[in-house]
Amino acid sequence: MSSLQNLSHLSFTDRHIHLVPDVVLKPIADGCLSLQHMDLGACMFNDEDIRYFLTKKQTQLSSFRSKLCLSFESYKCLTQCKNLEHLHLDTLGHSSNNASSNIKLLRNLTNLKTLMLNDLTKEEFRAVPRLFVRGHLSNVTKLGYIAYDLRTVVKNCPQLLELTVRGTKHVLEGGFKHIGNCKNLRCLSLSGSSEVTAKCLEYVAADISDSGFTGNNFHLIPSHLVHLRELVIYACRVNDEVWDRLLKKMPHLKLTGRYVVGDDD
């Protein structure tokens, strides 16, 4: 390991190995003195070794990613990495009885800038908005999660630059009414959501609260989300004239995704 003292980034892949031997993580923790960015991928590690690594790198780790379940003990060690800035977790696998308390531990990561949560339990996702109330995690500028409450997040996160969200029509419409609070938003991704309708995006465009509002008003986006540079949507039915008007107003906006051309139901 002496030859890897200057290694700063390490990423594991299950392409060639899925079960990592127990003798791997501890020497990495002890020998890679400059390691700040760790991606465990979907590989399986001994849980004791994960805890050892996280404890050893507690003040050094800047980014961490894992696609497999972390035990609650390892998760607690992770939330003690006070200098962590970027966190990607696909799943936690914790008991739903303590979902709120489990998620709340992420508040310890006061320097967090990126938080991407992909496959938590429903109860854990429901607890995510509570992370941001009263100014907690105010440094997070990139957020991704499945929303059961989008309104609380956008009202408490004016600093967001990138937002990736999935949710039901009701949740998205309720949250998008207040999306104008995220005035510095640069990228809005609605990928993977089957209930993003043109009406949902009207709220994004106009930042209005009148639920009776009708028509396609993407062209109003420039007056509310002036820094928006990329809009990613999937499974959305939108009239193609809407895109023409929006691109005319915002020629630098990048539109990507799969959507159905036509009137919204």
Protein backbone atom coordinates (compact mmCIF):
# COMPACT_ATOMS: atom_id res chain seq x y z
CA MET A 1 0.00 0.00 0.00
CA SER A 2 2.99 2.32 0.31
CA SER A 3 2.83 2.98 -3.43
CA LEU A 4 -0.80 4.19 -3.09
CA GLN A 5 -0.25 6.84 -0.43
CA ASN A 6 -1.19 9.58 -2.90
CA LEU A 7 -4.36 7.85 -4.13
CA SER A 8 -7.31 10.21 -3.66
CA HIS A 9 -10.14 8.42 -5.55
CA LEU A 10 -11.07 4.73 -5.38
CA SER A 11 -14.04 3.06 -7.08
CA PHE A 12 -15.00 -0.61 -6.89
CA THR A 13 -17.00 -2.35 -9.60
CA ASP A 14 -18.77 -5.71 -9.56
CA ARG A 15 -17.82 -6.26 -13.18
CA HIS A 16 -14.96 -8.54 -12.19
CA ILE A 17 -15.57 -9.14 -8.49
CA HIS A 18 -18.78 -9.06 -6.45
CA LEU A 19 -17.67 -10.36 -3.07
CA VAL A 20 -14.60 -8.47 -1.86
CA PRO A 21 -12.27 -10.43 0.48
CA ASP A 22 -12.12 -9.32 4.11
CA VAL A 23 -8.45 -8.40 3.82
CA VAL A 24 -9.02 -5.48 1.42
CA LEU A 25 -10.66 -2.49 3.14
CA LYS A 26 -8.57 -2.31 6.30
CA PRO A 27 -5.22 -2.05 4.46
CA ILE A 28 -6.79 0.61 2.22
CA ALA A 29 -7.91 2.57 5.27
CA ASP A 30 -4.45 2.34 6.83
CA GLY A 31 -2.28 2.71 3.74
CA CYS A 32 -4.05 5.12 1.39
CA LEU A 33 -3.27 8.26 3.35
CA SER A 34 -4.69 10.70 0.76
CA LEU A 35 -7.92 8.84 -0.01
CA GLN A 36 -10.91 11.21 0.08
CA HIS A 37 -13.38 9.73 -2.41
CA MET A 38 -14.70 6.18 -2.02
CA ASP A 39 -17.23 4.34 -4.20
CA LEU A 40 -18.06 0.83 -2.98
CA GLY A 41 -20.32 0.24 -5.98
CA ALA A 42 -22.48 -2.88 -5.75
CA CYS A 43 -19.70 -4.98 -4.26
CA MET A 44 -20.21 -6.85 -0.99
CA PHE A 45 -17.83 -6.05 1.87
CA ASN A 46 -17.50 -7.35 5.39
CA ASP A 47 -19.51 -4.96 7.54
CA GLU A 48 -16.84 -4.74 10.20
CA ASP A 49 -14.35 -3.68 7.52
CA ILE A 50 -16.70 -0.94 6.31
CA ARG A 51 -17.01 0.41 9.85
CA TYR A 52 -13.24 0.29 10.28
CA PHE A 53 -12.73 2.19 7.03
CA LEU A 54 -15.32 4.88 7.84
CA THR A 55 -13.97 5.35 11.34
CA LYS A 56 -10.40 5.59 10.09
CA LYS A 57 -11.35 8.14 7.40
CA GLN A 58 -13.86 9.98 9.57
CA THR A 59 -12.28 13.43 9.16
CA GLN A 60 -10.80 12.84 5.71
CA LEU A 61 -13.61 11.44 3.56
CA SER A 62 -15.11 13.94 1.09
CA SER A 63 -17.40 11.70 -0.97
CA PHE A 64 -18.95 8.27 -0.45
CA ARG A 65 -21.16 6.05 -2.57
CA SER A 66 -22.67 2.61 -2.07
CA LYS A 67 -25.27 0.66 -4.05
CA LEU A 68 -25.80 -2.06 -1.45
CA CYS A 69 -27.37 -1.99 2.00
CA LEU A 70 -25.33 -0.58 4.83
CA SER A 71 -25.94 -1.97 8.27
CA PHE A 72 -27.25 0.52 10.78
CA GLU A 73 -23.89 0.39 12.57
CA SER A 74 -22.01 1.29 9.37
CA TYR A 75 -24.57 3.97 8.58
CA LYS A 76 -23.98 5.57 11.98
CA CYS A 77 -20.24 5.60 11.31
CA LEU A 78 -20.92 7.24 7.94
CA THR A 79 -22.96 10.02 9.54
CA GLN A 80 -19.97 10.85 11.74
CA CYS A 81 -17.84 11.77 8.71
CA LYS A 82 -18.30 15.47 9.40
CA ASN A 83 -16.35 16.68 6.33
CA LEU A 84 -18.35 14.59 3.85
CA GLU A 85 -19.56 16.75 0.94
CA HIS A 86 -21.04 14.24 -1.53
CA LEU A 87 -23.18 11.26 -0.59
CA HIS A 88 -24.88 8.73 -2.90
CA LEU A 89 -26.85 5.92 -1.26
CA ASP A 90 -29.01 3.45 -3.14
CA THR A 91 -30.44 1.76 -0.08
CA LEU A 92 -30.14 1.68 3.69
CA GLY A 93 -32.14 -1.41 4.59
CA HIS A 94 -33.09 -0.09 8.02
CA SER A 95 -36.16 -0.90 10.06
CA SER A 96 -39.15 1.21 9.01
CA ASN A 97 -40.03 1.62 12.71
CA ASN A 98 -37.08 3.99 13.12
CA ALA A 99 -37.10 5.55 9.65
CA SER A 100 -37.41 9.14 10.85
CA SER A 101 -34.62 8.78 13.40
CA ASN A 102 -32.39 6.99 10.90
CA ILE A 103 -32.73 9.71 8.26
CA LYS A 104 -32.35 12.45 10.84
CA LEU A 105 -28.78 11.27 11.51
CA LEU A 106 -27.83 12.75 8.12
CA ARG A 107 -28.16 16.18 9.72
CA ASN A 108 -24.75 15.51 11.27
CA LEU A 109 -23.25 15.99 7.80
CA THR A 110 -23.33 19.78 7.91
CA ASN A 111 -20.88 20.18 5.01
CA LEU A 112 -22.95 18.06 2.63
CA LYS A 113 -23.36 19.56 -0.86
CA THR A 114 -24.71 16.55 -2.77
CA LEU A 115 -27.34 14.13 -1.46
CA MET A 116 -28.64 11.45 -3.83
CA LEU A 117 -31.01 8.83 -2.36
CA ASN A 118 -32.31 6.23 -4.77
CA ASP A 119 -33.96 3.19 -3.21
CA LEU A 120 -34.91 3.82 0.39
CA THR A 121 -38.05 2.51 2.06
CA LYS A 122 -41.24 4.53 1.73
CA GLU A 123 -41.00 5.54 5.37
CA GLU A 124 -37.41 6.74 4.93
CA PHE A 125 -38.30 8.79 1.85
CA ARG A 126 -41.18 10.34 3.76
CA ALA A 127 -38.68 11.50 6.39
CA VAL A 128 -36.28 13.15 3.91
CA PRO A 129 -37.95 16.62 3.88
CA ARG A 130 -37.42 16.91 7.65
CA LEU A 131 -33.69 17.05 6.98
CA PHE A 132 -34.02 20.57 5.63
CA VAL A 133 -36.36 22.37 8.02
CA ARG A 134 -35.01 25.17 10.21
CA GLY A 135 -31.95 25.63 8.02
CA HIS A 136 -30.47 22.15 8.41
CA LEU A 137 -28.25 20.92 5.55
CA SER A 138 -28.31 24.40 4.06
CA ASN A 139 -25.20 23.67 1.98
CA VAL A 140 -26.90 21.01 -0.15
CA THR A 141 -27.05 22.25 -3.75
CA LYS A 142 -27.68 18.92 -5.50
CA LEU A 143 -30.54 16.70 -4.33
CA GLY A 144 -32.19 13.57 -5.69
CA TYR A 145 -34.94 11.48 -4.08
CA ILE A 146 -38.40 9.96 -4.51
CA ALA A 147 -40.76 12.59 -3.18
CA TYR A 148 -43.70 12.04 -0.89
CA ASP A 149 -43.40 15.69 0.12
CA LEU A 150 -41.75 18.04 -2.38
CA ARG A 151 -43.27 21.23 -1.02
CA THR A 152 -41.29 21.19 2.25
CA VAL A 153 -38.02 20.63 0.37
CA VAL A 154 -38.34 23.43 -2.18
CA LYS A 155 -39.59 25.89 0.45
CA ASN A 156 -36.58 25.18 2.67
CA CYS A 157 -33.86 24.76 0.01
CA PRO A 158 -33.49 28.05 -1.89
CA GLN A 159 -29.83 27.17 -2.47
CA LEU A 160 -30.55 24.19 -4.76
CA LEU A 161 -28.76 24.18 -8.13
CA GLU A 162 -29.78 20.68 -9.26
CA LEU A 163 -32.93 18.74 -8.37
CA THR A 164 -33.78 15.21 -9.44
CA VAL A 165 -37.18 14.06 -8.26
CA ARG A 166 -39.86 11.43 -8.82
CA GLY A 167 -43.34 11.45 -7.38
CA THR A 168 -47.06 11.23 -7.95
CA LYS A 169 -48.99 13.92 -9.78
CA HIS A 170 -50.39 15.24 -6.49
CA VAL A 171 -46.97 15.50 -4.83
CA LEU A 172 -45.28 17.10 -7.83
CA GLU A 173 -48.00 19.66 -8.44
CA GLY A 174 -47.99 20.60 -4.74
CA GLY A 175 -44.23 21.10 -4.79
CA PHE A 176 -43.93 22.85 -8.11
CA LYS A 177 -46.20 25.61 -6.90
CA HIS A 178 -43.24 26.78 -4.82
CA ILE A 179 -40.36 25.88 -7.16
CA GLY A 180 -39.76 29.58 -7.77
CA ASN A 181 -38.20 29.66 -4.31
CA CYS A 182 -35.21 27.82 -5.83
CA LYS A 183 -34.22 30.85 -7.89
CA ASN A 184 -30.73 29.57 -8.68
CA LEU A 185 -31.88 26.20 -10.02
CA ARG A 186 -29.81 25.21 -13.06
CA CYS A 187 -30.94 21.65 -13.74
CA LEU A 188 -34.36 20.12 -13.10
CA SER A 189 -34.68 16.40 -13.76
CA LEU A 190 -38.03 14.62 -13.62
CA SER A 191 -36.66 11.41 -15.06
CA GLY A 192 -38.27 8.14 -14.10
CA SER A 193 -41.54 9.73 -13.04
CA SER A 194 -44.63 8.42 -14.80
CA GLU A 195 -46.93 11.12 -13.41
CA VAL A 196 -45.24 14.27 -14.69
CA THR A 197 -47.94 16.03 -16.65
CA ALA A 198 -47.91 19.23 -18.66
CA LYS A 199 -49.94 20.78 -15.86
CA CYS A 200 -47.19 19.90 -13.35
CA LEU A 201 -44.69 21.72 -15.51
CA GLU A 202 -46.97 24.72 -15.88
CA TYR A 203 -46.47 25.30 -12.17
CA VAL A 204 -42.73 25.02 -12.68
CA ALA A 205 -42.94 27.54 -15.48
CA ALA A 206 -45.26 30.08 -13.92
CA ASP A 207 -44.67 29.53 -10.18
CA ILE A 208 -48.35 30.08 -9.50
CA SER A 209 -50.70 28.62 -6.91
CA ASP A 210 -53.97 28.72 -8.83
CA SER A 211 -54.91 25.06 -9.24
CA GLY A 212 -57.44 26.03 -11.88
CA PHE A 213 -54.76 27.40 -14.20
CA THR A 214 -54.88 25.84 -17.66
CA GLY A 215 -52.85 25.98 -20.84
CA ASN A 216 -49.21 25.29 -21.64
CA ASN A 217 -47.00 28.03 -20.23
CA PHE A 218 -43.46 26.74 -20.39
CA HIS A 219 -42.56 30.04 -22.03
CA LEU A 220 -42.97 31.72 -18.62
CA ILE A 221 -40.00 29.83 -17.17
CA PRO A 222 -37.52 32.63 -17.98
CA SER A 223 -39.27 35.03 -15.58
CA HIS A 224 -39.05 32.62 -12.63
CA LEU A 225 -36.15 30.21 -13.09
CA VAL A 226 -33.74 32.54 -14.83
CA HIS A 227 -30.70 30.31 -14.26
CA LEU A 228 -32.30 27.09 -15.52
CA ARG A 229 -30.04 25.53 -18.15
CA GLU A 230 -31.29 21.95 -18.40
CA LEU A 231 -34.74 20.37 -18.19
CA VAL A 232 -34.91 16.57 -18.20
CA ILE A 233 -38.30 14.88 -18.38
CA TYR A 234 -39.56 11.38 -19.05
CA ALA A 235 -43.06 9.97 -19.61
CA CYS A 236 -44.63 13.39 -20.06
CA ARG A 237 -47.28 14.25 -22.62
CA VAL A 238 -46.69 17.78 -23.93
CA ASN A 239 -47.82 19.74 -26.98
CA ASP A 240 -44.82 20.26 -29.26
CA GLU A 241 -45.69 23.97 -29.63
CA VAL A 242 -44.77 24.33 -25.97
CA TRP A 243 -41.18 23.32 -26.70
CA ASP A 244 -41.00 25.78 -29.60
CA ARG A 245 -42.10 28.69 -27.39
CA LEU A 246 -39.77 27.69 -24.58
CA LEU A 247 -36.72 27.34 -26.82
CA LYS A 248 -37.47 30.70 -28.40
CA LYS A 249 -37.45 32.31 -24.96
CA MET A 250 -34.50 30.27 -23.67
CA PRO A 251 -32.31 29.27 -26.63
CA HIS A 252 -29.59 27.96 -24.30
CA LEU A 253 -31.90 25.60 -22.39
CA LYS A 254 -31.08 21.94 -22.96
CA LEU A 255 -34.18 19.77 -23.21
CA THR A 256 -33.68 16.02 -22.87
CA GLY A 257 -35.82 12.97 -22.20
CA ARG A 258 -38.59 10.87 -23.67
CA TYR A 259 -42.00 12.47 -23.88
CA VAL A 260 -45.18 11.96 -25.86
CA VAL A 261 -46.14 14.76 -28.20
CA GLY A 262 -49.78 15.70 -27.85
CA ASP A 263 -52.29 17.28 -25.49
CA ASP A 264 -51.99 16.39 -21.84
CA ASP A 265 -54.82 14.29 -20.43
